[in-house]
Protein backbone atom coordinates (compact mmCIF):
# COMPACT_ATOMS: atom_id res chain seq x y z
CA MET A 1 6.53 23.61 -7.74
CA ASP A 2 8.28 20.48 -8.97
CA GLY A 3 6.22 20.06 -12.16
CA THR A 4 4.16 17.10 -10.91
CA THR A 5 0.40 17.29 -11.12
CA ARG A 6 -1.63 16.89 -7.99
CA ASP A 7 -5.10 17.08 -9.55
CA GLU A 8 -5.64 13.32 -9.87
CA PRO A 9 -7.50 12.10 -6.77
CA GLY A 10 -6.22 8.52 -6.60
CA GLY A 11 -3.40 6.45 -7.92
CA CYS A 12 -1.44 3.23 -7.61
CA TYR A 13 0.59 2.70 -4.45
CA GLU A 14 3.21 0.35 -3.11
CA ILE A 15 3.33 -0.01 0.66
CA ARG A 16 6.28 -1.96 2.06
CA LEU A 17 5.72 -3.52 5.48
CA ASP A 18 8.31 -4.72 7.97
CA ALA A 19 6.70 -8.15 8.39
CA ARG A 20 5.80 -11.20 6.37
CA LEU A 21 2.01 -11.34 6.06
CA ASP A 22 0.27 -14.62 5.42
CA PRO A 23 -1.67 -14.70 2.12
CA ARG A 24 -4.92 -14.88 4.11
CA TRP A 25 -4.53 -11.14 4.77
CA ALA A 26 -5.25 -10.42 1.08
CA SER A 27 -8.99 -10.26 1.77
CA TRP A 28 -8.37 -7.70 4.53
CA PHE A 29 -6.60 -5.42 2.03
CA ASP A 30 -9.30 -5.69 -0.64
CA GLY A 31 -7.96 -4.76 -4.07
CA PHE A 32 -4.31 -4.90 -3.05
CA ASP A 33 -1.86 -7.62 -4.03
CA LEU A 34 0.40 -8.98 -1.28
CA ASP A 35 3.89 -9.91 -2.41
CA PRO A 36 6.38 -11.43 0.03
CA GLY A 37 9.81 -9.84 -0.06
CA GLU A 38 12.98 -11.91 0.14
CA ASP A 39 14.00 -9.89 3.19
CA GLY A 40 10.97 -10.91 5.29
CA SER A 41 8.92 -7.89 4.30
CA THR A 42 5.59 -7.75 2.48
CA VAL A 43 4.71 -5.37 -0.34
CA LEU A 44 1.11 -4.27 -0.80
CA ARG A 45 0.37 -3.01 -4.32
CA GLY A 46 -2.90 -1.58 -5.50
CA GLN A 47 -4.97 1.34 -6.62
CA VAL A 48 -6.91 3.74 -4.42
CA ALA A 49 -9.71 6.08 -5.43
CA ASP A 50 -8.36 9.05 -3.49
CA GLN A 51 -6.20 10.11 -0.55
CA ALA A 52 -8.92 9.18 1.94
CA ALA A 53 -8.86 5.61 0.62
CA LEU A 54 -5.06 5.53 0.93
CA HIS A 55 -5.32 6.67 4.54
CA GLY A 56 -7.90 3.92 5.10
CA VAL A 57 -5.39 1.29 3.95
CA LEU A 58 -2.70 2.81 6.14
CA HIS A 59 -5.09 2.68 9.10
CA GLN A 60 -5.68 -1.03 8.39
CA VAL A 61 -1.93 -1.58 8.55
CA ARG A 62 -1.81 0.34 11.82
CA ASP A 63 -4.68 -1.75 13.21
CA ILE A 64 -2.77 -5.01 12.74
CA GLY A 65 0.35 -3.49 14.29
CA VAL A 66 2.75 -3.91 11.37
CA PRO A 67 5.48 -1.27 10.92
CA ILE A 68 5.50 0.55 7.58
CA ILE A 69 8.86 0.79 5.81
CA SER A 70 7.73 2.95 2.90
CA VAL A 71 4.78 4.26 0.90
CA ALA A 72 5.29 5.24 -2.74
CA GLN A 73 3.06 6.16 -5.63
CA VAL A 74 3.95 3.88 -8.55
CA ASP A 75 2.94 3.14 -12.13
CA LEU A 76 1.38 -0.33 -12.22
CA SER A 77 0.82 -0.41 -15.98
C-alpha cells in the first residue's frame, strides 16, 4: 500500500480535455467549472459524490467525442 486512503467515496477532480469547449457546455457538466487552457485545451474541475458519478462525467466527455488528456484527483480548497 502507498499510504493513501481509499475509503472516501467521492472527491474533487480535474479532467483535462484536448479541445476548447464553448462556455455553453457548462450546463452539460453540471457542477463542474470549465476553464480554457492557453494551449487550446479545456479543464473541467469539480466534485463528484463517488466513483460512479466520476464515470458518468467521463461518459459525458466520451459522448461529445472529446479526447481526454488526463484525469487527476485534486484538492480544490
